[in-house]
Amino acid sequence: MIPIRTGMMVSTDSVDSWYCLLTLLLGLLRMLIYVGTSSQVNASEACYWQKKNGVNDSGVTYRGTVAITENGLECQHWNSNHPHLIPFDADTHQELKENYCRNPDRRSDRPWCYTTDPVVRWEKCNIKKC
């Protein structure tokens, strides 16, 4: 028996159970904190991450709604193959929403999109680095 407070005793089995439960909960909390910071996406429209946690991100995690290229061309919808054939499946790549700038294959050093201009297949978007 271990004294908890004056006049109160708890068996060591009970203390071991509480210790195990607290250890488990702390482990889960650490895991949630790690997942929250390591898989976090950038929903900001204002900027994209060039590097994140020391790793080259190149805007892969950008989730803003910019849909115009650096030269003012409108972005083509990711689920459309007109005027350009898009080799990405928008159902598989959940980040490919609407016609927003993205970098699904790290093709570029920042977010880009296919354009609605039949002559210009794809172009980088004018989004600044965070």
Protein backbone atom coordinates (compact mmCIF):
# COMPACT_ATOMS: atom_id res chain seq x y z
CA MET A 1 0.00 0.00 0.00
CA ILE A 2 1.17 3.53 -0.82
CA PRO A 3 -0.07 6.62 1.02
CA ILE A 4 -1.67 9.11 -1.38
CA ARG A 5 -2.94 11.64 1.19
CA THR A 6 -3.15 11.59 4.92
CA GLY A 7 -5.42 8.74 5.91
CA MET A 8 -5.79 7.44 2.31
CA MET A 9 -4.02 4.35 1.00
CA VAL A 10 -3.96 2.93 -2.53
CA SER A 11 -2.69 -0.49 -3.53
CA THR A 12 0.39 -0.69 -5.74
CA ASP A 13 -1.70 -2.52 -8.37
CA SER A 14 -3.92 0.54 -8.68
CA VAL A 15 -0.90 2.87 -8.93
CA ASP A 16 0.64 0.67 -11.63
CA SER A 17 -2.63 0.78 -13.58
CA TRP A 18 -2.77 4.58 -13.35
CA TYR A 19 0.89 4.86 -14.36
CA CYS A 20 0.28 2.66 -17.42
CA LEU A 21 -2.79 4.67 -18.39
CA LEU A 22 -0.96 7.99 -18.04
CA THR A 23 2.02 6.67 -20.01
CA LEU A 24 -0.33 5.53 -22.79
CA LEU A 25 -2.15 8.88 -22.86
CA LEU A 26 1.11 10.84 -22.96
CA GLY A 27 2.32 8.66 -25.84
CA LEU A 28 -0.89 9.32 -27.76
CA LEU A 29 -0.59 13.04 -27.09
CA ARG A 30 3.01 13.08 -28.38
CA MET A 31 1.90 11.21 -31.50
CA LEU A 32 -0.93 13.68 -32.16
CA ILE A 33 1.42 16.63 -31.72
CA TYR A 34 3.94 15.05 -34.14
CA VAL A 35 1.28 14.23 -36.74
CA GLY A 36 -0.20 17.70 -36.41
CA THR A 37 3.13 19.38 -37.13
CA SER A 38 4.56 16.96 -39.68
CA SER A 39 1.56 16.58 -41.95
CA GLN A 40 0.25 20.10 -41.60
CA VAL A 41 -0.78 21.75 -44.84
CA ASN A 42 -0.60 25.42 -45.67
CA ALA A 43 -4.16 26.66 -46.17
CA SER A 44 -2.95 30.25 -46.42
CA GLU A 45 -3.51 31.97 -49.74
CA ALA A 46 -0.74 34.41 -49.00
CA CYS A 47 2.31 32.18 -49.29
CA TYR A 48 3.79 28.71 -49.79
CA TRP A 49 6.57 26.95 -47.92
CA GLN A 50 9.84 26.56 -49.80
CA LYS A 51 11.28 24.50 -46.95
CA LYS A 52 9.36 22.99 -44.06
CA ASN A 53 11.08 21.48 -41.03
CA GLY A 54 14.34 21.53 -43.01
CA VAL A 55 12.84 19.54 -45.91
CA ASN A 56 12.32 20.97 -49.39
CA ASP A 57 8.54 21.47 -49.68
CA SER A 58 8.35 23.56 -52.88
CA GLY A 59 4.72 24.38 -52.18
CA VAL A 60 3.59 20.74 -52.15
CA THR A 61 1.54 21.43 -49.02
CA TYR A 62 0.05 24.71 -50.31
CA ARG A 63 -3.78 24.62 -50.16
CA GLY A 64 -4.70 28.20 -50.99
CA THR A 65 -7.16 29.22 -53.70
CA VAL A 66 -4.95 31.17 -56.12
CA ALA A 67 -5.95 30.09 -59.65
CA ILE A 68 -4.02 32.53 -61.86
CA THR A 69 -0.48 32.02 -63.17
CA GLU A 70 2.41 34.44 -62.81
CA ASN A 71 1.58 35.85 -66.27
CA GLY A 72 -2.14 36.21 -65.56
CA LEU A 73 -3.41 33.05 -67.29
CA GLU A 74 -6.40 31.27 -65.77
CA CYS A 75 -5.68 27.80 -64.39
CA GLN A 76 -7.38 24.78 -65.96
CA HIS A 77 -9.56 22.64 -63.67
CA TRP A 78 -7.67 19.57 -62.47
CA ASN A 79 -10.53 17.25 -63.44
CA SER A 80 -10.72 18.59 -67.01
CA ASN A 81 -8.64 17.48 -70.00
CA HIS A 82 -9.31 20.56 -72.09
CA PRO A 83 -7.31 22.23 -73.47
CA HIS A 84 -4.51 20.10 -71.93
CA LEU A 85 -4.48 16.44 -70.96
CA ILE A 86 -3.84 16.20 -67.20
CA PRO A 87 -2.03 13.04 -66.06
CA PHE A 88 -3.25 13.36 -62.46
CA ASP A 89 -6.40 11.76 -61.12
CA ALA A 90 -8.18 14.37 -59.00
CA ASP A 91 -9.90 11.54 -57.08
CA THR A 92 -6.53 10.05 -56.10
CA HIS A 93 -4.89 13.43 -55.46
CA GLN A 94 -7.36 14.99 -53.03
CA GLU A 95 -5.36 18.24 -53.00
CA LEU A 96 -6.22 18.89 -56.66
CA LYS A 97 -9.34 20.98 -56.09
CA GLU A 98 -11.03 23.22 -58.63
CA ASN A 99 -8.35 24.97 -60.67
CA TYR A 100 -6.17 26.03 -57.74
CA CYS A 101 -2.39 26.24 -58.03
CA ARG A 102 -0.66 23.13 -56.65
CA ASN A 103 2.63 21.23 -56.96
CA PRO A 104 1.55 17.56 -56.88
CA ASP A 105 4.71 16.14 -58.48
CA ARG A 106 7.39 18.62 -57.37
CA ARG A 107 7.77 19.56 -61.04
CA SER A 108 8.48 23.10 -60.02
CA ASP A 109 10.06 24.99 -57.13
CA ARG A 110 6.62 26.42 -56.27
CA PRO A 111 2.91 25.85 -56.95
CA TRP A 112 1.87 25.77 -60.61
CA CYS A 113 -1.11 24.80 -62.77
CA TYR A 114 -2.11 23.77 -66.26
CA THR A 115 -3.46 26.81 -68.10
CA THR A 116 -6.60 27.39 -70.12
CA ASP A 117 -4.40 28.79 -72.91
CA PRO A 118 -4.01 26.06 -75.57
CA VAL A 119 -0.48 27.29 -76.35
CA VAL A 120 0.86 27.38 -72.76
CA ARG A 121 0.56 23.92 -71.16
CA TRP A 122 1.53 24.85 -67.57
CA GLU A 123 2.98 27.77 -65.71
CA LYS A 124 4.10 28.70 -62.21
CA CYS A 125 1.76 30.70 -60.03
CA ASN A 126 2.61 34.04 -58.51
CA ILE A 127 2.52 33.07 -54.83
CA LYS A 128 5.23 34.36 -52.51
CA LYS A 129 7.30 32.19 -50.16
CA CYS A 130 6.35 32.14 -46.47
